[in-house]
């Protein structure tokens, strides 16, 4: 479930970026909003239950990933 949640939310954000860049209208449709809301709920649950050192380590890993400009590993996984 969690991995699918991330994949759906990433696809939703991609949809928003494609639509916005084509039309100049930026927003989130209801279907995409649902996928993003589900991921945010999962994130809230993880923050509520994870030990602080794991949250700090995850944030460090995320910062390294964002700074690397690497493609999303979820996109690579979906393409297989």
Protein backbone atom coordinates (compact mmCIF):
# COMPACT_ATOMS: atom_id res chain seq x y z
CA UNK A 1 0.00 0.00 0.00
CA UNK A 2 2.57 2.72 0.90
CA UNK A 3 4.61 2.31 -2.29
CA UNK A 4 1.46 2.49 -4.42
CA UNK A 5 0.44 5.58 -2.47
CA UNK A 6 3.73 7.28 -3.38
CA UNK A 7 3.44 6.22 -7.02
CA UNK A 8 -0.12 7.55 -7.30
CA UNK A 9 0.80 10.87 -5.67
CA UNK A 10 3.86 11.28 -7.88
CA UNK A 11 1.76 10.57 -10.98
CA UNK A 12 -0.82 13.10 -9.74
CA UNK A 13 1.83 15.80 -9.37
CA UNK A 14 3.18 14.96 -12.83
CA UNK A 15 -0.36 15.33 -14.24
CA UNK A 16 -0.66 18.74 -12.60
CA UNK A 17 2.68 19.91 -14.00
CA UNK A 18 1.92 18.69 -17.53
CA UNK A 19 -1.54 20.26 -17.53
CA UNK A 20 -0.27 23.52 -16.07
CA UNK A 21 2.61 23.83 -18.51
CA UNK A 22 0.31 23.15 -21.49
CA UNK A 23 -2.58 25.37 -20.46
CA UNK A 24 -1.08 27.95 -18.11
CA UNK A 25 -3.76 26.97 -15.58
CA UNK A 26 -2.28 25.51 -12.44
CA UNK A 27 -4.35 23.44 -10.07
CA UNK A 28 -5.09 19.96 -8.82
CA UNK A 29 -8.09 18.05 -10.13
CA UNK A 30 -10.27 16.14 -7.64
CA UNK A 31 -8.89 12.73 -8.58
CA UNK A 32 -5.29 13.90 -8.21
CA UNK A 33 -6.13 15.72 -4.98
CA UNK A 34 -7.37 12.44 -3.52
CA UNK A 35 -4.07 10.69 -4.28
CA UNK A 36 -2.07 13.55 -2.78
CA UNK A 37 -4.31 13.68 0.31
CA UNK A 38 -3.83 9.96 0.85
CA UNK A 39 -0.04 10.37 0.75
CA UNK A 40 -0.20 13.30 3.17
CA UNK A 41 -2.26 11.16 5.56
CA UNK A 42 0.34 8.40 5.34
CA UNK A 43 3.09 10.96 5.95
CA UNK A 44 1.29 12.30 9.02
CA UNK A 45 0.96 8.75 10.38
CA UNK A 46 4.66 8.09 9.78
CA UNK A 47 5.62 11.31 11.58
CA UNK A 48 3.37 10.37 14.51
CA UNK A 49 4.88 6.90 14.91
CA UNK A 50 8.51 7.03 13.76
CA UNK A 51 11.36 7.64 16.18
CA UNK A 52 12.88 11.09 15.77
CA UNK A 53 16.26 9.74 14.60
CA UNK A 54 14.52 7.98 11.69
CA UNK A 55 12.70 11.15 10.68
CA UNK A 56 15.96 13.12 10.78
CA UNK A 57 17.75 10.44 8.71
CA UNK A 58 14.91 10.33 6.16
CA UNK A 59 15.04 14.11 5.79
CA UNK A 60 18.83 13.93 5.27
CA UNK A 61 18.39 11.29 2.57
CA UNK A 62 15.67 13.36 0.88
CA UNK A 63 17.88 16.46 0.84
CA UNK A 64 20.70 14.44 -0.77
CA UNK A 65 18.30 13.06 -3.38
CA UNK A 66 16.88 16.49 -4.24
CA UNK A 67 20.36 18.00 -4.50
CA UNK A 68 21.45 15.22 -6.87
CA UNK A 69 18.89 16.07 -9.59
CA UNK A 70 18.44 12.30 -10.07
CA UNK A 71 15.25 10.96 -11.60
CA UNK A 72 12.66 9.58 -9.22
CA UNK A 73 13.21 5.92 -8.41
CA UNK A 74 9.42 5.52 -8.57
CA UNK A 75 9.42 6.63 -12.21
CA UNK A 76 12.12 4.07 -12.99
CA UNK A 77 10.16 1.35 -11.20
CA UNK A 78 6.91 2.19 -13.02
CA UNK A 79 8.59 2.05 -16.42
CA UNK A 80 9.60 -1.60 -15.93
